[in-house]
Amino acid sequence: LPYAFFGSLADGDIYRVNLVTGSGKVISE
């Protein structure tokens, strides 16, 4: 499905993005 997950080198947060709209949020601190 069109959702991308990104990991942060800074603090390890996981950020999920809706590829259809480009909007996203942190789903796991």
Full PDB file with SEQRES, HELIX, SHEET, SSBOND, CRYST1, ORIGX, SCALE, CONECT and MASTER records, all heavy atoms in Angstrom:
SEQRES   1 A   29  LEU PRO TYR ALA PHE PHE GLY SER LEU ALA ASP GLY ASP          
SEQRES   2 A   29  ILE TYR ARG VAL ASN LEU VAL THR GLY SER GLY LYS VAL          
SEQRES   3 A   29  ILE SER GLU                                                  
SHEET    1 AA1 3 TYR A   3  GLY A   7  0                                        
SHEET    2 AA1 3 ILE A  14  ASN A  18 -1                                        
SHEET    3 AA1 3 GLY A  24  SER A  28 -1                                        
CRYST1    1.000    1.000    1.000  90.00  90.00  90.00 P 1           1          
ORIGX1      1.000000  0.000000  0.000000        0.00000                         
ORIGX2      0.000000  1.000000  0.000000        0.00000                         
ORIGX3      0.000000  0.000000  1.000000        0.00000                         
SCALE1      1.000000  0.000000  0.000000        0.00000                         
SCALE2      0.000000  1.000000  0.000000        0.00000                         
SCALE3      0.000000  0.000000  1.000000        0.00000                         
ATOM      1  N   LEU A   1       0.850  -1.186   0.000  1.00  0.00           N  
ATOM      2  CA  LEU A   1       0.000   0.000   0.000  1.00  0.00           C  
ATOM      3  C   LEU A   1       0.886   1.237   0.000  1.00  0.00           C  
ATOM      4  O   LEU A   1       2.060   1.179   0.381  1.00  0.00           O  
ATOM      5  CB  LEU A   1      -0.920   0.000   1.224  1.00  0.00           C  
ATOM      6  CG  LEU A   1      -2.015  -1.062   1.228  1.00  0.00           C  
ATOM      7  CD1 LEU A   1      -2.798  -0.992   2.529  1.00  0.00           C  
ATOM      8  CD2 LEU A   1      -2.957  -0.898   0.048  1.00  0.00           C  
ATOM      9  N   PRO A   2       0.353   2.378  -0.436  1.00  0.00           N  
ATOM     10  CA  PRO A   2       1.191   3.573  -0.599  1.00  0.00           C  
ATOM     11  C   PRO A   2       1.504   4.285   0.711  1.00  0.00           C  
ATOM     12  O   PRO A   2       1.088   5.423   0.957  1.00  0.00           O  
ATOM     13  CB  PRO A   2       0.352   4.453  -1.536  1.00  0.00           C  
ATOM     14  CG  PRO A   2      -1.054   4.086  -1.231  1.00  0.00           C  
ATOM     15  CD  PRO A   2      -1.016   2.614  -0.942  1.00  0.00           C  
ATOM     16  N   TYR A   3       2.259   3.611   1.564  1.00  0.00           N  
ATOM     17  CA  TYR A   3       2.749   4.201   2.799  1.00  0.00           C  
ATOM     18  C   TYR A   3       4.226   3.901   2.914  1.00  0.00           C  
ATOM     19  O   TYR A   3       4.647   2.746   2.787  1.00  0.00           O  
ATOM     20  CB  TYR A   3       1.995   3.652   4.020  1.00  0.00           C  
ATOM     21  CG  TYR A   3       0.543   4.052   4.068  1.00  0.00           C  
ATOM     22  CD1 TYR A   3      -0.432   3.254   3.476  1.00  0.00           C  
ATOM     23  CD2 TYR A   3       0.151   5.235   4.692  1.00  0.00           C  
ATOM     24  CE1 TYR A   3      -1.764   3.632   3.496  1.00  0.00           C  
ATOM     25  CE2 TYR A   3      -1.182   5.610   4.714  1.00  0.00           C  
ATOM     26  CZ  TYR A   3      -2.141   4.804   4.125  1.00  0.00           C  
ATOM     27  OH  TYR A   3      -3.454   5.179   4.132  1.00  0.00           O  
ATOM     28  N   ALA A   4       5.016   4.937   3.155  1.00  0.00           N  
ATOM     29  CA  ALA A   4       6.456   4.773   3.334  1.00  0.00           C  
ATOM     30  C   ALA A   4       6.811   5.013   4.796  1.00  0.00           C  
ATOM     31  O   ALA A   4       6.202   5.860   5.468  1.00  0.00           O  
ATOM     32  CB  ALA A   4       7.221   5.741   2.443  1.00  0.00           C  
ATOM     33  N   PHE A   5       7.805   4.269   5.249  1.00  0.00           N  
ATOM     34  CA  PHE A   5       8.293   4.388   6.621  1.00  0.00           C  
ATOM     35  C   PHE A   5       9.745   4.846   6.575  1.00  0.00           C  
ATOM     36  O   PHE A   5      10.556   4.287   5.846  1.00  0.00           O  
ATOM     37  CB  PHE A   5       8.175   3.053   7.348  1.00  0.00           C  
ATOM     38  CG  PHE A   5       6.769   2.542   7.442  1.00  0.00           C  
ATOM     39  CD1 PHE A   5       6.188   1.854   6.380  1.00  0.00           C  
ATOM     40  CD2 PHE A   5       6.007   2.767   8.573  1.00  0.00           C  
ATOM     41  CE1 PHE A   5       4.888   1.390   6.452  1.00  0.00           C  
ATOM     42  CE2 PHE A   5       4.699   2.308   8.654  1.00  0.00           C  
ATOM     43  CZ  PHE A   5       4.126   1.621   7.594  1.00  0.00           C  
ATOM     44  N   PHE A   6      10.063   5.867   7.376  1.00  0.00           N  
ATOM     45  CA  PHE A   6      11.406   6.418   7.430  1.00  0.00           C  
ATOM     46  C   PHE A   6      11.920   6.329   8.867  1.00  0.00           C  
ATOM     47  O   PHE A   6      11.166   6.547   9.817  1.00  0.00           O  
ATOM     48  CB  PHE A   6      11.422   7.882   6.986  1.00  0.00           C  
ATOM     49  CG  PHE A   6      10.987   8.098   5.571  1.00  0.00           C  
ATOM     50  CD1 PHE A   6       9.641   8.288   5.265  1.00  0.00           C  
ATOM     51  CD2 PHE A   6      11.898   8.110   4.533  1.00  0.00           C  
ATOM     52  CE1 PHE A   6       9.220   8.498   3.958  1.00  0.00           C  
ATOM     53  CE2 PHE A   6      11.498   8.305   3.222  1.00  0.00           C  
ATOM     54  CZ  PHE A   6      10.155   8.499   2.929  1.00  0.00           C  
ATOM     55  N   GLY A   7      13.211   6.034   8.999  1.00  0.00           N  
ATOM     56  CA  GLY A   7      13.837   5.991  10.319  1.00  0.00           C  
ATOM     57  C   GLY A   7      14.758   7.180  10.512  1.00  0.00           C  
ATOM     58  O   GLY A   7      15.409   7.647   9.581  1.00  0.00           O  
ATOM     59  N   SER A   8      14.840   7.658  11.749  1.00  0.00           N  
ATOM     60  CA  SER A   8      15.657   8.822  12.075  1.00  0.00           C  
ATOM     61  C   SER A   8      16.986   8.405  12.696  1.00  0.00           C  
ATOM     62  O   SER A   8      17.021   7.636  13.662  1.00  0.00           O  
ATOM     63  CB  SER A   8      14.911   9.730  13.060  1.00  0.00           C  
ATOM     64  OG  SER A   8      15.769  10.720  13.587  1.00  0.00           O  
ATOM     65  N   LEU A   9      18.072   8.953  12.135  1.00  0.00           N  
ATOM     66  CA  LEU A   9      19.383   8.760  12.751  1.00  0.00           C  
ATOM     67  C   LEU A   9      19.522   9.559  14.037  1.00  0.00           C  
ATOM     68  O   LEU A   9      20.352   9.237  14.896  1.00  0.00           O  
ATOM     69  CB  LEU A   9      20.489   9.177  11.785  1.00  0.00           C  
ATOM     70  CG  LEU A   9      20.753   8.292  10.574  1.00  0.00           C  
ATOM     71  CD1 LEU A   9      21.822   8.931   9.685  1.00  0.00           C  
ATOM     72  CD2 LEU A   9      21.191   6.898  10.997  1.00  0.00           C  
ATOM     73  N   ALA A  10      18.728  10.609  14.180  1.00  0.00           N  
ATOM     74  CA  ALA A  10      18.870  11.506  15.324  1.00  0.00           C  
ATOM     75  C   ALA A  10      18.390  10.864  16.622  1.00  0.00           C  
ATOM     76  O   ALA A  10      19.104  10.884  17.636  1.00  0.00           O  
ATOM     77  CB  ALA A  10      18.106  12.801  15.068  1.00  0.00           C  
ATOM     78  N   ASP A  11      17.192  10.276  16.596  1.00  0.00           N  
ATOM     79  CA  ASP A  11      16.632   9.740  17.840  1.00  0.00           C  
ATOM     80  C   ASP A  11      15.911   8.408  17.656  1.00  0.00           C  
ATOM     81  O   ASP A  11      15.367   7.864  18.615  1.00  0.00           O  
ATOM     82  CB  ASP A  11      15.676  10.743  18.482  1.00  0.00           C  
ATOM     83  CG  ASP A  11      14.549  11.179  17.550  1.00  0.00           C  
ATOM     84  OD1 ASP A  11      14.322  10.501  16.527  1.00  0.00           O  
ATOM     85  OD2 ASP A  11      13.881  12.205  17.849  1.00  0.00           O  
ATOM     86  N   GLY A  12      15.870   7.882  16.426  1.00  0.00           N  
ATOM     87  CA  GLY A  12      15.240   6.587  16.200  1.00  0.00           C  
ATOM     88  C   GLY A  12      13.757   6.633  15.929  1.00  0.00           C  
ATOM     89  O   GLY A  12      13.123   5.573  15.786  1.00  0.00           O  
ATOM     90  N   ASP A  13      13.158   7.827  15.838  1.00  0.00           N  
ATOM     91  CA  ASP A  13      11.727   7.913  15.521  1.00  0.00           C  
ATOM     92  C   ASP A  13      11.427   7.222  14.186  1.00  0.00           C  
ATOM     93  O   ASP A  13      12.257   7.215  13.276  1.00  0.00           O  
ATOM     94  CB  ASP A  13      11.273   9.366  15.417  1.00  0.00           C  
ATOM     95  CG  ASP A  13      11.072  10.028  16.760  1.00  0.00           C  
ATOM     96  OD1 ASP A  13      11.252   9.367  17.790  1.00  0.00           O  
ATOM     97  OD2 ASP A  13      10.765  11.246  16.768  1.00  0.00           O  
ATOM     98  N   ILE A  14      10.206   6.673  14.076  1.00  0.00           N  
ATOM     99  CA  ILE A  14       9.707   6.117  12.817  1.00  0.00           C  
ATOM    100  C   ILE A  14       8.588   7.019  12.315  1.00  0.00           C  
ATOM    101  O   ILE A  14       7.594   7.250  13.014  1.00  0.00           O  
ATOM    102  CB  ILE A  14       9.195   4.680  12.991  1.00  0.00           C  
ATOM    103  CG1 ILE A  14      10.304   3.770  13.536  1.00  0.00           C  
ATOM    104  CG2 ILE A  14       8.662   4.146  11.664  1.00  0.00           C  
ATOM    105  CD1 ILE A  14      11.512   3.624  12.626  1.00  0.00           C  
ATOM    106  N   TYR A  15       8.769   7.524  11.089  1.00  0.00           N  
ATOM    107  CA  TYR A  15       7.834   8.473  10.491  1.00  0.00           C  
ATOM    108  C   TYR A  15       7.147   7.795   9.313  1.00  0.00           C  
ATOM    109  O   TYR A  15       7.813   7.289   8.402  1.00  0.00           O  
ATOM    110  CB  TYR A  15       8.602   9.702  10.027  1.00  0.00           C  
ATOM    111  CG  TYR A  15       7.770  10.868   9.553  1.00  0.00           C  
ATOM    112  CD1 TYR A  15       7.104  11.680  10.451  1.00  0.00           C  
ATOM    113  CD2 TYR A  15       7.699  11.189   8.193  1.00  0.00           C  
ATOM    114  CE1 TYR A  15       6.370  12.782  10.012  1.00  0.00           C  
ATOM    115  CE2 TYR A  15       6.963  12.283   7.751  1.00  0.00           C  
ATOM    116  CZ  TYR A  15       6.293  13.071   8.673  1.00  0.00           C  
ATOM    117  OH  TYR A  15       5.571  14.159   8.235  1.00  0.00           O  
ATOM    118  N   ARG A  16       5.810   7.776   9.325  1.00  0.00           N  
ATOM    119  CA  ARG A  16       5.032   7.144   8.265  1.00  0.00           C  
ATOM    120  C   ARG A  16       4.414   8.210   7.365  1.00  0.00           C  
ATOM    121  O   ARG A  16       3.802   9.158   7.840  1.00  0.00           O  
ATOM    122  CB  ARG A  16       3.922   6.267   8.855  1.00  0.00           C  
ATOM    123  CG  ARG A  16       3.142   5.470   7.802  1.00  0.00           C  
ATOM    124  CD  ARG A  16       2.150   4.532   8.477  1.00  0.00           C  
ATOM    125  NE  ARG A  16       1.119   5.248   9.198  1.00  0.00           N  
ATOM    126  CZ  ARG A  16       0.481   4.776  10.277  1.00  0.00           C  
ATOM    127  NH1 ARG A  16       0.791   3.588  10.760  1.00  0.00           N  
ATOM    128  NH2 ARG A  16      -0.460   5.487  10.882  1.00  0.00           N  
ATOM    129  N   VAL A  17       4.579   8.017   6.039  1.00  0.00           N  
ATOM    130  CA  VAL A  17       4.096   8.982   5.057  1.00  0.00           C  
ATOM    131  C   VAL A  17       3.085   8.325   4.130  1.00  0.00           C  
ATOM    132  O   VAL A  17       3.311   7.215   3.638  1.00  0.00           O  
ATOM    133  CB  VAL A  17       5.266   9.550   4.224  1.00  0.00           C  
ATOM    134  CG1 VAL A  17       4.742  10.397   3.074  1.00  0.00           C  
ATOM    135  CG2 VAL A  17       6.201  10.375   5.098  1.00  0.00           C  
ATOM    136  N   ASN A  18       1.985   8.996   3.894  1.00  0.00           N  
ATOM    137  CA  ASN A  18       1.026   8.597   2.873  1.00  0.00           C  
ATOM    138  C   ASN A  18       1.571   9.077   1.529  1.00  0.00           C  
ATOM    139  O   ASN A  18       1.664  10.283   1.283  1.00  0.00           O  
ATOM    140  CB  ASN A  18      -0.333   9.234   3.172  1.00  0.00           C  
ATOM    141  CG  ASN A  18      -1.417   8.801   2.201  1.00  0.00           C  
ATOM    142  OD1 ASN A  18      -1.152   8.542   1.027  1.00  0.00           O  
ATOM    143  ND2 ASN A  18      -2.649   8.740   2.686  1.00  0.00           N  
ATOM    144  N   LEU A  19       1.944   8.158   0.649  1.00  0.00           N  
ATOM    145  CA  LEU A  19       2.545   8.538  -0.623  1.00  0.00           C  
ATOM    146  C   LEU A  19       1.553   9.211  -1.568  1.00  0.00           C  
ATOM    147  O   LEU A  19       1.962   9.904  -2.500  1.00  0.00           O  
ATOM    148  CB  LEU A  19       3.150   7.306  -1.308  1.00  0.00           C  
ATOM    149  CG  LEU A  19       4.294   6.621  -0.562  1.00  0.00           C  
ATOM    150  CD1 LEU A  19       4.756   5.386  -1.330  1.00  0.00           C  
ATOM    151  CD2 LEU A  19       5.452   7.571  -0.331  1.00  0.00           C  
ATOM    152  N   VAL A  20       0.271   9.014  -1.336  1.00  0.00           N  
ATOM    153  CA  VAL A  20      -0.738   9.660  -2.174  1.00  0.00           C  
ATOM    154  C   VAL A  20      -0.761  11.164  -1.925  1.00  0.00           C  
ATOM    155  O   VAL A  20      -0.814  11.964  -2.856  1.00  0.00           O  
ATOM    156  CB  VAL A  20      -2.130   9.055  -1.922  1.00  0.00           C  
ATOM    157  CG1 VAL A  20      -3.179   9.746  -2.783  1.00  0.00           C  
ATOM    158  CG2 VAL A  20      -2.129   7.553  -2.195  1.00  0.00           C  
ATOM    159  N   THR A  21      -0.698  11.549  -0.663  1.00  0.00           N  
ATOM    160  CA  THR A  21      -0.843  12.960  -0.297  1.00  0.00           C  
ATOM    161  C   THR A  21       0.460  13.623   0.135  1.00  0.00           C  
ATOM    162  O   THR A  21       0.555  14.851   0.132  1.00  0.00           O  
ATOM    163  CB  THR A  21      -1.843  13.101   0.856  1.00  0.00           C  
ATOM    164  OG1 THR A  21      -1.303  12.447   2.024  1.00  0.00           O  
ATOM    165  CG2 THR A  21      -3.183  12.462   0.496  1.00  0.00           C  
ATOM    166  N   GLY A  22       1.434  12.819   0.558  1.00  0.00           N  
ATOM    167  CA  GLY A  22       2.680  13.364   1.083  1.00  0.00           C  
ATOM    168  C   GLY A  22       2.624  13.705   2.561  1.00  0.00           C  
ATOM    169  O   GLY A  22       3.625  14.130   3.143  1.00  0.00           O  
ATOM    170  N   SER A  23       1.466  13.546   3.199  1.00  0.00           N  
ATOM    171  CA  SER A  23       1.342  13.856   4.623  1.00  0.00           C  
ATOM    172  C   SER A  23       1.900  12.722   5.456  1.00  0.00           C  
ATOM    173  O   SER A  23       1.910  11.556   5.034  1.00  0.00           O  
ATOM    174  CB  SER A  23      -0.118  14.103   4.989  1.00  0.00           C  
ATOM    175  OG  SER A  23      -0.886  12.930   4.763  1.00  0.00           O  
ATOM    176  N   GLY A  24       2.361  13.032   6.664  1.00  0.00           N  
ATOM    177  CA  GLY A  24       2.939  11.987   7.499  1.00  0.00           C  
ATOM    178  C   GLY A  24       2.912  12.337   8.965  1.00  0.00           C  
ATOM    179  O   GLY A  24       2.549  13.455   9.366  1.00  0.00           O  
ATOM    180  N   LYS A  25       3.298  11.363   9.787  1.00  0.00           N  
ATOM    181  CA  LYS A  25       3.370  11.570  11.225  1.00  0.00           C  
ATOM    182  C   LYS A  25       4.299  10.524  11.841  1.00  0.00           C  
ATOM    183  O   LYS A  25       4.534   9.454  11.260  1.00  0.00           O  
ATOM    184  CB  LYS A  25       1.987  11.461  11.863  1.00  0.00           C  
ATOM    185  CG  LYS A  25       1.357  10.077  11.782  1.00  0.00           C  
ATOM    186  CD  LYS A  25       0.009  10.046  12.489  1.00  0.00           C  
ATOM    187  CE  LYS A  25      -0.607   8.646  12.447  1.00  0.00           C  
ATOM    188  NZ  LYS A  25      -1.907   8.599  13.160  1.00  0.00           N  
ATOM    189  N   VAL A  26       4.816  10.832  13.011  1.00  0.00           N  
ATOM    190  CA  VAL A  26       5.609   9.876  13.776  1.00  0.00           C  
ATOM    191  C   VAL A  26       4.663   8.843  14.374  1.00  0.00           C  
ATOM    192  O   VAL A  26       3.711   9.203  15.072  1.00  0.00           O  
ATOM    193  CB  VAL A  26       6.407  10.577  14.892  1.00  0.00           C  
ATOM    194  CG1 VAL A  26       7.070   9.553  15.801  1.00  0.00           C  
ATOM    195  CG2 VAL A  26       7.452  11.510  14.293  1.00  0.00           C  
ATOM    196  N   ILE A  27       4.908   7.570  14.068  1.00  0.00           N  
ATOM    197  CA  ILE A  27       4.043   6.514  14.618  1.00  0.00           C  
ATOM    198  C   ILE A  27       4.716   5.763  15.758  1.00  0.00           C  
ATOM    199  O   ILE A  27       4.047   5.045  16.505  1.00  0.00           O  
ATOM    200  CB  ILE A  27       3.614   5.502  13.539  1.00  0.00           C  
ATOM    201  CG1 ILE A  27       4.824   4.732  12.982  1.00  0.00           C  
ATOM    202  CG2 ILE A  27       2.825   6.195  12.446  1.00  0.00           C  
ATOM    203  CD1 ILE A  27       4.453   3.453  12.282  1.00  0.00           C  
ATOM    204  N   SER A  28       6.035   5.907  15.891  1.00  0.00           N  
ATOM    205  CA  SER A  28       6.749   5.210  16.952  1.00  0.00           C  
ATOM    206  C   SER A  28       7.919   6.073  17.391  1.00  0.00           C  
ATOM    207  O   SER A  28       8.801   6.382  16.586  1.00  0.00           O  
ATOM    208  CB  SER A  28       7.248   3.847  16.458  1.00  0.00           C  
ATOM    209  OG  SER A  28       7.907   3.130  17.492  1.00  0.00           O  
ATOM    210  N   GLU A  29       7.916   6.474  18.650  1.00  0.00           N  
ATOM    211  CA  GLU A  29       9.017   7.281  19.159  1.00  0.00           C  
ATOM    212  C   GLU A  29      10.251   6.410  19.354  1.00  0.00           C  
ATOM    213  O   GLU A  29      10.159   5.286  19.851  1.00  0.00           O  
ATOM    214  CB  GLU A  29       8.625   7.956  20.468  1.00  0.00           C  
ATOM    215  CG  GLU A  29       7.558   9.018  20.304  1.00  0.00           C  
ATOM    216  CD  GLU A  29       7.323   9.811  21.576  1.00  0.00           C  
ATOM    217  OE1 GLU A  29       8.020   9.528  22.590  1.00  0.00           O  
ATOM    218  OE2 GLU A  29       6.463  10.708  21.562  1.00  0.00           O  
TER     219      GLU A  29                                                      
MASTER        0    0    0    0    3    0    0    6  218    1    0    3          
END                                                                             
